[in-house]
């Protein structure tokens, strides 16, 4: 399961915890991983994963966002991952609750 591989990779390479769901109450700073798509072609698998950096301030989320991008781009050193590409990134702040977030969308090619 590619989500678990990425979850473990991020938890080994980042200072803040990576999670697959938001606990209640959430920690002050964390990364939220979600699979939003993917496919298979000629036995080559791809997964579209979002990683949202969540923190108490927008500045903190941007710092975390840069760290997670660097960690994800190095994930292709793992045996089961052949390529990681940043697809898009955007501010994902909930203005009503002032819950700050910054999201990166990655395409991960794996087997």
C-alpha atoms as a PDB file:
ATOM      1  CA  UNK A   1       0.000   0.000   0.000  1.00  0.00           C
ATOM      2  CA  UNK A   2       1.712   3.152  -1.252  1.00  0.00           C
ATOM      3  CA  UNK A   3       0.056   5.355   1.380  1.00  0.00           C
ATOM      4  CA  UNK A   4       1.718   3.343   4.178  1.00  0.00           C
ATOM      5  CA  UNK A   5       5.103   3.456   2.424  1.00  0.00           C
ATOM      6  CA  UNK A   6       4.882   7.255   2.094  1.00  0.00           C
ATOM      7  CA  UNK A   7       3.533   7.617   5.647  1.00  0.00           C
ATOM      8  CA  UNK A   8       6.524   5.729   7.055  1.00  0.00           C
ATOM      9  CA  UNK A   9       8.957   7.649   4.815  1.00  0.00           C
ATOM     10  CA  UNK A  10       7.636  11.034   5.942  1.00  0.00           C
ATOM     11  CA  UNK A  11       7.607  10.028   9.610  1.00  0.00           C
ATOM     12  CA  UNK A  12      11.251   8.949   9.275  1.00  0.00           C
ATOM     13  CA  UNK A  13      12.316  12.137   7.459  1.00  0.00           C
ATOM     14  CA  UNK A  14      10.293  15.015   8.928  1.00  0.00           C
ATOM     15  CA  UNK A  15      10.163  16.629  12.369  1.00  0.00           C
ATOM     16  CA  UNK A  16       6.353  16.683  12.588  1.00  0.00           C
ATOM     17  CA  UNK A  17       4.079  13.620  12.456  1.00  0.00           C
ATOM     18  CA  UNK A  18       2.492  12.433   9.213  1.00  0.00           C
ATOM     19  CA  UNK A  19      -1.023  11.030   9.631  1.00  0.00           C
ATOM     20  CA  UNK A  20      -3.654   9.453   7.413  1.00  0.00           C
ATOM     21  CA  UNK A  21      -6.539  11.008   9.322  1.00  0.00           C
ATOM     22  CA  UNK A  22      -6.937  13.955  11.653  1.00  0.00           C
ATOM     23  CA  UNK A  23      -7.307  12.883  15.282  1.00  0.00           C
ATOM     24  CA  UNK A  24      -9.491  14.739  17.746  1.00  0.00           C
ATOM     25  CA  UNK A  25      -8.021  16.892  19.083  1.00  0.00           C
ATOM     26  CA  UNK A  26      -5.396  17.344  16.364  1.00  0.00           C
ATOM     27  CA  UNK A  27      -1.751  18.058  17.200  1.00  0.00           C
ATOM     28  CA  UNK A  28      -0.557  21.643  16.678  1.00  0.00           C
ATOM     29  CA  UNK A  29       1.563  20.661  13.673  1.00  0.00           C
ATOM     30  CA  UNK A  30       1.111  17.649  11.413  1.00  0.00           C
ATOM     31  CA  UNK A  31       0.978  16.406   7.839  1.00  0.00           C
ATOM     32  CA  UNK A  32      -2.178  14.823   6.466  1.00  0.00           C
ATOM     33  CA  UNK A  33      -1.768  12.255   3.654  1.00  0.00           C
ATOM     34  CA  UNK A  34      -4.649  11.320   1.353  1.00  0.00           C
ATOM     35  CA  UNK A  35      -4.827   9.286  -1.830  1.00  0.00           C
ATOM     36  CA  UNK A  36      -6.986  11.127  -4.364  1.00  0.00           C
ATOM     37  CA  UNK A  37      -6.464   9.005  -7.467  1.00  0.00           C
ATOM     38  CA  UNK A  38      -4.232   6.665  -9.368  1.00  0.00           C
ATOM     39  CA  UNK A  39      -4.170   3.877 -11.896  1.00  0.00           C
ATOM     40  CA  UNK A  40      -2.294   1.005 -13.511  1.00  0.00           C
ATOM     41  CA  UNK A  41      -0.867   0.795 -17.025  1.00  0.00           C
ATOM     42  CA  UNK A  42       1.242  -2.160 -18.169  1.00  0.00           C
ATOM     43  CA  UNK A  43       1.757  -3.217 -14.512  1.00  0.00           C
ATOM     44  CA  UNK A  44       3.140   0.249 -13.647  1.00  0.00           C
ATOM     45  CA  UNK A  45       1.131   1.820 -10.838  1.00  0.00           C
ATOM     46  CA  UNK A  46       0.614   5.497 -10.185  1.00  0.00           C
ATOM     47  CA  UNK A  47      -0.941   7.169  -7.188  1.00  0.00           C
ATOM     48  CA  UNK A  48      -2.018  10.770  -6.771  1.00  0.00           C
ATOM     49  CA  UNK A  49      -1.361  11.740  -3.172  1.00  0.00           C
ATOM     50  CA  UNK A  50      -2.057  14.981  -1.374  1.00  0.00           C
ATOM     51  CA  UNK A  51       0.035  16.001   1.597  1.00  0.00           C
ATOM     52  CA  UNK A  52      -1.386  18.893   3.586  1.00  0.00           C
ATOM     53  CA  UNK A  53       0.852  20.710   6.045  1.00  0.00           C
ATOM     54  CA  UNK A  54      -1.215  21.863   9.044  1.00  0.00           C
ATOM     55  CA  UNK A  55       0.000  24.342  11.684  1.00  0.00           C
ATOM     56  CA  UNK A  56      -1.189  27.235  13.879  1.00  0.00           C
ATOM     57  CA  UNK A  57       0.134  29.928  11.514  1.00  0.00           C
ATOM     58  CA  UNK A  58       0.385  30.311   7.763  1.00  0.00           C
ATOM     59  CA  UNK A  59       4.136  30.924   8.045  1.00  0.00           C
ATOM     60  CA  UNK A  60       4.591  27.588   9.842  1.00  0.00           C
ATOM     61  CA  UNK A  61       2.566  25.771   7.191  1.00  0.00           C
ATOM     62  CA  UNK A  62       4.737  27.225   4.432  1.00  0.00           C
ATOM     63  CA  UNK A  63       7.897  26.104   6.253  1.00  0.00           C
ATOM     64  CA  UNK A  64       6.441  22.616   6.675  1.00  0.00           C
ATOM     65  CA  UNK A  65       5.291  22.634   3.054  1.00  0.00           C
ATOM     66  CA  UNK A  66       8.829  23.223   1.812  1.00  0.00           C
ATOM     67  CA  UNK A  67      10.138  20.428   4.055  1.00  0.00           C
ATOM     68  CA  UNK A  68       7.543  17.924   2.830  1.00  0.00           C
ATOM     69  CA  UNK A  69       8.219  18.770  -0.818  1.00  0.00           C
ATOM     70  CA  UNK A  70      11.919  18.033  -0.309  1.00  0.00           C
ATOM     71  CA  UNK A  71      11.179  14.772   1.530  1.00  0.00           C
ATOM     72  CA  UNK A  72       8.710  13.628  -1.119  1.00  0.00           C
ATOM     73  CA  UNK A  73      11.135  14.360  -3.959  1.00  0.00           C
ATOM     74  CA  UNK A  74      13.653  12.075  -2.214  1.00  0.00           C
ATOM     75  CA  UNK A  75      11.098   9.246  -1.812  1.00  0.00           C
ATOM     76  CA  UNK A  76      12.160   7.860  -5.192  1.00  0.00           C
ATOM     77  CA  UNK A  77      15.192   6.428  -3.401  1.00  0.00           C
ATOM     78  CA  UNK A  78      12.866   3.815  -1.892  1.00  0.00           C
ATOM     79  CA  UNK A  79      12.957   0.420  -3.570  1.00  0.00           C
ATOM     80  CA  UNK A  80       9.281   0.355  -4.586  1.00  0.00           C
ATOM     81  CA  UNK A  81       9.069   3.947  -5.883  1.00  0.00           C
ATOM     82  CA  UNK A  82      10.448   4.851  -9.290  1.00  0.00           C
ATOM     83  CA  UNK A  83       9.328   8.477  -9.638  1.00  0.00           C
ATOM     84  CA  UNK A  84       7.780  11.315  -7.640  1.00  0.00           C
ATOM     85  CA  UNK A  85       6.513  14.413  -9.399  1.00  0.00           C
ATOM     86  CA  UNK A  86       4.958  17.516  -7.841  1.00  0.00           C
ATOM     87  CA  UNK A  87       1.701  18.095  -9.712  1.00  0.00           C
ATOM     88  CA  UNK A  88       0.426  21.250  -7.993  1.00  0.00           C
ATOM     89  CA  UNK A  89       0.447  23.094  -4.674  1.00  0.00           C
ATOM     90  CA  UNK A  90      -1.957  25.514  -3.065  1.00  0.00           C
ATOM     91  CA  UNK A  91      -2.995  27.336   0.096  1.00  0.00           C
ATOM     92  CA  UNK A  92      -5.666  25.217   1.781  1.00  0.00           C
ATOM     93  CA  UNK A  93      -6.518  27.460   4.736  1.00  0.00           C
ATOM     94  CA  UNK A  94     -10.026  27.243   6.188  1.00  0.00           C
ATOM     95  CA  UNK A  95     -10.722  30.956   6.709  1.00  0.00           C
ATOM     96  CA  UNK A  96     -13.814  30.290   8.835  1.00  0.00           C
ATOM     97  CA  UNK A  97     -11.895  28.322  11.463  1.00  0.00           C
ATOM     98  CA  UNK A  98      -8.457  29.868  10.796  1.00  0.00           C
ATOM     99  CA  UNK A  99      -7.101  26.324  10.445  1.00  0.00           C
ATOM    100  CA  UNK A 100      -4.009  26.885   8.333  1.00  0.00           C
ATOM    101  CA  UNK A 101      -2.980  24.397   5.686  1.00  0.00           C
ATOM    102  CA  UNK A 102      -0.859  24.182   2.558  1.00  0.00           C
ATOM    103  CA  UNK A 103      -1.369  21.250   0.199  1.00  0.00           C
ATOM    104  CA  UNK A 104       0.947  19.605  -2.323  1.00  0.00           C
ATOM    105  CA  UNK A 105      -0.313  17.068  -4.857  1.00  0.00           C
ATOM    106  CA  UNK A 106       2.189  14.424  -5.949  1.00  0.00           C
ATOM    107  CA  UNK A 107       2.085  11.755  -8.626  1.00  0.00           C
ATOM    108  CA  UNK A 108       3.974   8.716  -7.362  1.00  0.00           C
ATOM    109  CA  UNK A 109       4.987   5.939  -9.751  1.00  0.00           C
ATOM    110  CA  UNK A 110       5.506   2.665  -7.918  1.00  0.00           C
ATOM    111  CA  UNK A 111       5.291  -1.108  -8.109  1.00  0.00           C
END
